[in-house]
Amino acid sequence: MANIKSAKKRIKVIDKKTARNIRVKNHIKEAEKAFLAAVESGDAEAAKAAFQHAEKKLMQAAAKGTFHKNAVARKISRFEKKLNALSAK
């Protein structure tokens, strides 16, 4: 346990940021699962709506630094590829 006041404060700040990152990651996992479920069912409209929601959540996470922007861009690109393949059917 830290003895210095500034170190104690840093521990509190880290705990808050960790909790926020966990919450954001859980939201993203839920959005991804919803999108992939819509793609599996073959419902293009539901998949498009789920894609828009997932993209928004991913971009927000990248803006806050939870995920790297290139990792988010790669994930969105892969989702978009799946959505386009579903729409082409």
N, C-alpha and C. Protein backbone atom coordinates (compact mmCIF):
# COMPACT_ATOMS: atom_id res chain seq x y z
N MET A 1 0.85 -1.18 0.00
CA MET A 1 0.00 0.00 0.00
C MET A 1 0.89 1.24 0.00
N ALA A 2 0.45 2.24 -0.74
CA ALA A 2 1.22 3.47 -0.86
C ALA A 2 1.17 4.29 0.43
N ASN A 3 2.25 4.98 0.71
CA ASN A 3 2.32 5.85 1.88
C ASN A 3 2.21 7.32 1.50
N ILE A 4 2.67 7.66 0.33
CA ILE A 4 2.69 9.05 -0.12
C ILE A 4 1.31 9.44 -0.64
N LYS A 5 0.91 10.66 -0.36
CA LYS A 5 -0.43 11.13 -0.70
C LYS A 5 -0.68 11.08 -2.20
N SER A 6 0.28 11.50 -2.99
CA SER A 6 0.10 11.49 -4.45
C SER A 6 -0.02 10.07 -4.99
N ALA A 7 0.69 9.14 -4.37
CA ALA A 7 0.61 7.74 -4.80
C ALA A 7 -0.76 7.16 -4.46
N LYS A 8 -1.31 7.56 -3.31
CA LYS A 8 -2.65 7.12 -2.93
C LYS A 8 -3.69 7.64 -3.94
N LYS A 9 -3.50 8.89 -4.36
CA LYS A 9 -4.42 9.48 -5.34
C LYS A 9 -4.31 8.74 -6.67
N ARG A 10 -3.11 8.42 -7.09
CA ARG A 10 -2.93 7.70 -8.35
C ARG A 10 -3.64 6.34 -8.31
N ILE A 11 -3.60 5.69 -7.16
CA ILE A 11 -4.29 4.40 -7.03
C ILE A 11 -5.78 4.58 -7.25
N LYS A 12 -6.37 5.65 -6.68
CA LYS A 12 -7.79 5.92 -6.88
C LYS A 12 -8.10 6.21 -8.34
N VAL A 13 -7.24 7.00 -8.98
CA VAL A 13 -7.45 7.35 -10.39
C VAL A 13 -7.37 6.10 -11.26
N ILE A 14 -6.40 5.25 -11.00
CA ILE A 14 -6.24 4.02 -11.77
C ILE A 14 -7.46 3.11 -11.60
N ASP A 15 -7.97 3.03 -10.37
CA ASP A 15 -9.16 2.21 -10.13
C ASP A 15 -10.35 2.72 -10.93
N LYS A 16 -10.53 4.04 -10.98
CA LYS A 16 -11.64 4.62 -11.75
C LYS A 16 -11.48 4.34 -13.24
N LYS A 17 -10.27 4.51 -13.75
CA LYS A 17 -10.04 4.28 -15.17
C LYS A 17 -10.21 2.80 -15.53
N THR A 18 -9.76 1.92 -14.65
CA THR A 18 -9.90 0.49 -14.88
C THR A 18 -11.37 0.10 -14.93
N ALA A 19 -12.16 0.65 -14.01
CA ALA A 19 -13.59 0.36 -13.99
C ALA A 19 -14.26 0.86 -15.26
N ARG A 20 -13.87 2.04 -15.72
CA ARG A 20 -14.45 2.60 -16.94
C ARG A 20 -14.08 1.74 -18.15
N ASN A 21 -12.82 1.33 -18.24
CA ASN A 21 -12.38 0.51 -19.36
C ASN A 21 -13.11 -0.82 -19.40
N ILE A 22 -13.32 -1.42 -18.24
CA ILE A 22 -14.05 -2.69 -18.18
C ILE A 22 -15.48 -2.50 -18.66
N ARG A 23 -16.11 -1.41 -18.22
CA ARG A 23 -17.48 -1.12 -18.62
C ARG A 23 -17.57 -0.91 -20.13
N VAL A 24 -16.63 -0.15 -20.68
CA VAL A 24 -16.62 0.12 -22.13
C VAL A 24 -16.41 -1.17 -22.91
N LYS A 25 -15.48 -2.01 -22.46
CA LYS A 25 -15.21 -3.26 -23.15
C LYS A 25 -16.41 -4.19 -23.12
N ASN A 26 -17.15 -4.19 -22.01
CA ASN A 26 -18.36 -5.01 -21.93
C ASN A 26 -19.42 -4.53 -22.91
N HIS A 27 -19.57 -3.20 -23.03
CA HIS A 27 -20.53 -2.66 -24.00
C HIS A 27 -20.16 -3.06 -25.42
N ILE A 28 -18.87 -3.02 -25.71
CA ILE A 28 -18.40 -3.37 -27.05
C ILE A 28 -18.62 -4.85 -27.32
N LYS A 29 -18.36 -5.70 -26.35
CA LYS A 29 -18.59 -7.14 -26.53
C LYS A 29 -20.06 -7.42 -26.82
N GLU A 30 -20.95 -6.73 -26.10
CA GLU A 30 -22.38 -6.92 -26.33
C GLU A 30 -22.78 -6.47 -27.74
N ALA A 31 -22.23 -5.33 -28.18
CA ALA A 31 -22.54 -4.82 -29.51
C ALA A 31 -22.02 -5.76 -30.59
N GLU A 32 -20.82 -6.30 -30.39
CA GLU A 32 -20.24 -7.23 -31.36
C GLU A 32 -21.07 -8.51 -31.45
N LYS A 33 -21.48 -9.03 -30.30
CA LYS A 33 -22.29 -10.25 -30.30
C LYS A 33 -23.62 -10.02 -31.00
N ALA A 34 -24.22 -8.85 -30.78
CA ALA A 34 -25.50 -8.55 -31.43
C ALA A 34 -25.33 -8.47 -32.94
N PHE A 35 -24.23 -7.86 -33.39
CA PHE A 35 -23.98 -7.76 -34.83
C PHE A 35 -23.75 -9.13 -35.44
N LEU A 36 -22.90 -9.93 -34.81
CA LEU A 36 -22.60 -11.25 -35.35
C LEU A 36 -23.82 -12.16 -35.34
N ALA A 37 -24.67 -12.02 -34.33
CA ALA A 37 -25.91 -12.80 -34.30
C ALA A 37 -26.84 -12.40 -35.44
N ALA A 38 -26.90 -11.10 -35.73
CA ALA A 38 -27.74 -10.62 -36.84
C ALA A 38 -27.20 -11.12 -38.17
N VAL A 39 -25.88 -11.16 -38.30
CA VAL A 39 -25.27 -11.66 -39.54
C VAL A 39 -25.56 -13.15 -39.70
N GLU A 40 -25.44 -13.89 -38.61
CA GLU A 40 -25.71 -15.33 -38.65
C GLU A 40 -27.15 -15.64 -39.03
N SER A 41 -28.08 -14.81 -38.53
CA SER A 41 -29.49 -15.03 -38.84
C SER A 41 -29.82 -14.66 -40.28
N GLY A 42 -28.98 -13.83 -40.90
CA GLY A 42 -29.20 -13.45 -42.29
C GLY A 42 -30.11 -12.24 -42.45
N ASP A 43 -30.41 -11.56 -41.36
CA ASP A 43 -31.27 -10.38 -41.41
C ASP A 43 -30.41 -9.15 -41.70
N ALA A 44 -30.50 -8.65 -42.93
CA ALA A 44 -29.64 -7.55 -43.35
C ALA A 44 -29.97 -6.25 -42.63
N GLU A 45 -31.25 -5.99 -42.41
CA GLU A 45 -31.64 -4.74 -41.75
C GLU A 45 -31.18 -4.72 -40.29
N ALA A 46 -31.38 -5.82 -39.59
CA ALA A 46 -30.94 -5.91 -38.20
C ALA A 46 -29.42 -5.84 -38.12
N ALA A 47 -28.75 -6.46 -39.08
CA ALA A 47 -27.29 -6.44 -39.09
C ALA A 47 -26.79 -5.02 -39.33
N LYS A 48 -27.46 -4.28 -40.20
CA LYS A 48 -27.04 -2.90 -40.48
C LYS A 48 -27.20 -2.03 -39.24
N ALA A 49 -28.33 -2.18 -38.55
CA ALA A 49 -28.56 -1.41 -37.33
C ALA A 49 -27.55 -1.79 -36.25
N ALA A 50 -27.28 -3.07 -36.11
CA ALA A 50 -26.32 -3.54 -35.12
C ALA A 50 -24.91 -3.07 -35.47
N PHE A 51 -24.60 -3.03 -36.76
CA PHE A 51 -23.29 -2.55 -37.22
C PHE A 51 -23.10 -1.08 -36.85
N GLN A 52 -24.13 -0.28 -37.08
CA GLN A 52 -24.04 1.15 -36.76
C GLN A 52 -23.81 1.36 -35.27
N HIS A 53 -24.50 0.58 -34.45
CA HIS A 53 -24.34 0.68 -33.00
C HIS A 53 -22.93 0.25 -32.59
N ALA A 54 -22.47 -0.86 -33.14
CA ALA A 54 -21.14 -1.37 -32.79
C ALA A 54 -20.05 -0.39 -33.24
N GLU A 55 -20.22 0.18 -34.43
CA GLU A 55 -19.24 1.14 -34.94
C GLU A 55 -19.17 2.36 -34.03
N LYS A 56 -20.31 2.85 -33.58
CA LYS A 56 -20.34 4.01 -32.70
C LYS A 56 -19.61 3.71 -31.39
N LYS A 57 -19.90 2.55 -30.80
CA LYS A 57 -19.27 2.18 -29.54
C LYS A 57 -17.76 2.02 -29.70
N LEU A 58 -17.34 1.42 -30.81
CA LEU A 58 -15.90 1.23 -31.06
C LEU A 58 -15.19 2.56 -31.25
N MET A 59 -15.81 3.47 -31.98
CA MET A 59 -15.18 4.78 -32.21
C MET A 59 -15.09 5.57 -30.91
N GLN A 60 -16.09 5.46 -30.06
CA GLN A 60 -16.04 6.13 -28.77
C GLN A 60 -14.90 5.57 -27.92
N ALA A 61 -14.74 4.26 -27.95
CA ALA A 61 -13.67 3.63 -27.18
C ALA A 61 -12.29 4.05 -27.70
N ALA A 62 -12.18 4.20 -29.01
CA ALA A 62 -10.90 4.64 -29.59
C ALA A 62 -10.62 6.08 -29.21
N ALA A 63 -11.65 6.91 -29.19
CA ALA A 63 -11.47 8.32 -28.85
C ALA A 63 -11.01 8.49 -27.40
N LYS A 64 -11.48 7.62 -26.52
CA LYS A 64 -11.11 7.71 -25.11
C LYS A 64 -9.83 6.96 -24.78
N GLY A 65 -9.30 6.20 -25.74
CA GLY A 65 -8.03 5.52 -25.52
C GLY A 65 -8.15 4.12 -24.95
N THR A 66 -9.37 3.60 -24.89
CA THR A 66 -9.55 2.24 -24.38
C THR A 66 -8.95 1.24 -25.36
N PHE A 67 -9.15 1.49 -26.66
CA PHE A 67 -8.57 0.68 -27.72
C PHE A 67 -7.75 1.59 -28.63
N HIS A 68 -6.77 1.02 -29.29
CA HIS A 68 -5.98 1.77 -30.26
C HIS A 68 -6.83 2.02 -31.50
N LYS A 69 -6.64 3.19 -32.10
CA LYS A 69 -7.48 3.57 -33.24
C LYS A 69 -7.32 2.62 -34.43
N ASN A 70 -6.14 2.08 -34.63
CA ASN A 70 -5.94 1.16 -35.75
C ASN A 70 -6.61 -0.19 -35.49
N ALA A 71 -6.62 -0.62 -34.24
CA ALA A 71 -7.30 -1.87 -33.90
C ALA A 71 -8.80 -1.72 -34.12
N VAL A 72 -9.34 -0.56 -33.77
CA VAL A 72 -10.76 -0.29 -33.98
C VAL A 72 -11.07 -0.23 -35.47
N ALA A 73 -10.21 0.43 -36.23
CA ALA A 73 -10.42 0.54 -37.68
C ALA A 73 -10.40 -0.84 -38.32
N ARG A 74 -9.51 -1.71 -37.87
CA ARG A 74 -9.41 -3.06 -38.41
C ARG A 74 -10.69 -3.85 -38.09
N LYS A 75 -11.17 -3.72 -36.88
CA LYS A 75 -12.37 -4.45 -36.47
C LYS A 75 -13.59 -3.96 -37.25
N ILE A 76 -13.71 -2.65 -37.41
CA ILE A 76 -14.84 -2.08 -38.17
C ILE A 76 -14.77 -2.54 -39.62
N SER A 77 -13.57 -2.58 -40.16
CA SER A 77 -13.40 -3.02 -41.55
C SER A 77 -13.86 -4.46 -41.72
N ARG A 78 -13.53 -5.31 -40.76
CA ARG A 78 -13.93 -6.72 -40.84
C ARG A 78 -15.45 -6.86 -40.72
N PHE A 79 -16.04 -6.05 -39.85
CA PHE A 79 -17.49 -6.08 -39.70
C PHE A 79 -18.18 -5.59 -40.97
N GLU A 80 -17.62 -4.54 -41.56
CA GLU A 80 -18.19 -3.98 -42.78
C GLU A 80 -18.12 -4.99 -43.92
N LYS A 81 -17.04 -5.74 -43.95
CA LYS A 81 -16.89 -6.78 -44.97
C LYS A 81 -17.98 -7.84 -44.83
N LYS A 82 -18.27 -8.23 -43.59
CA LYS A 82 -19.32 -9.21 -43.34
C LYS A 82 -20.70 -8.64 -43.72
N LEU A 83 -20.91 -7.38 -43.40
CA LEU A 83 -22.19 -6.73 -43.71
C LEU A 83 -22.37 -6.63 -45.23
N ASN A 84 -21.32 -6.27 -45.94
CA ASN A 84 -21.42 -6.18 -47.41
C ASN A 84 -21.66 -7.54 -48.05
N ALA A 85 -21.02 -8.57 -47.50
CA ALA A 85 -21.24 -9.92 -48.03
C ALA A 85 -22.67 -10.37 -47.79
N LEU A 86 -23.25 -9.97 -46.67
CA LEU A 86 -24.64 -10.32 -46.36
C LEU A 86 -25.59 -9.56 -47.28
N SER A 87 -25.29 -8.30 -47.55
CA SER A 87 -26.14 -7.47 -48.41
C SER A 87 -26.08 -7.91 -49.86
N ALA A 88 -24.94 -8.49 -50.26
CA ALA A 88 -24.76 -8.91 -51.65
C ALA A 88 -25.56 -10.16 -51.98
N LYS A 89 -25.96 -10.91 -50.95
CA LYS A 89 -26.71 -12.15 -51.18
C LYS A 89 -28.09 -11.89 -51.71
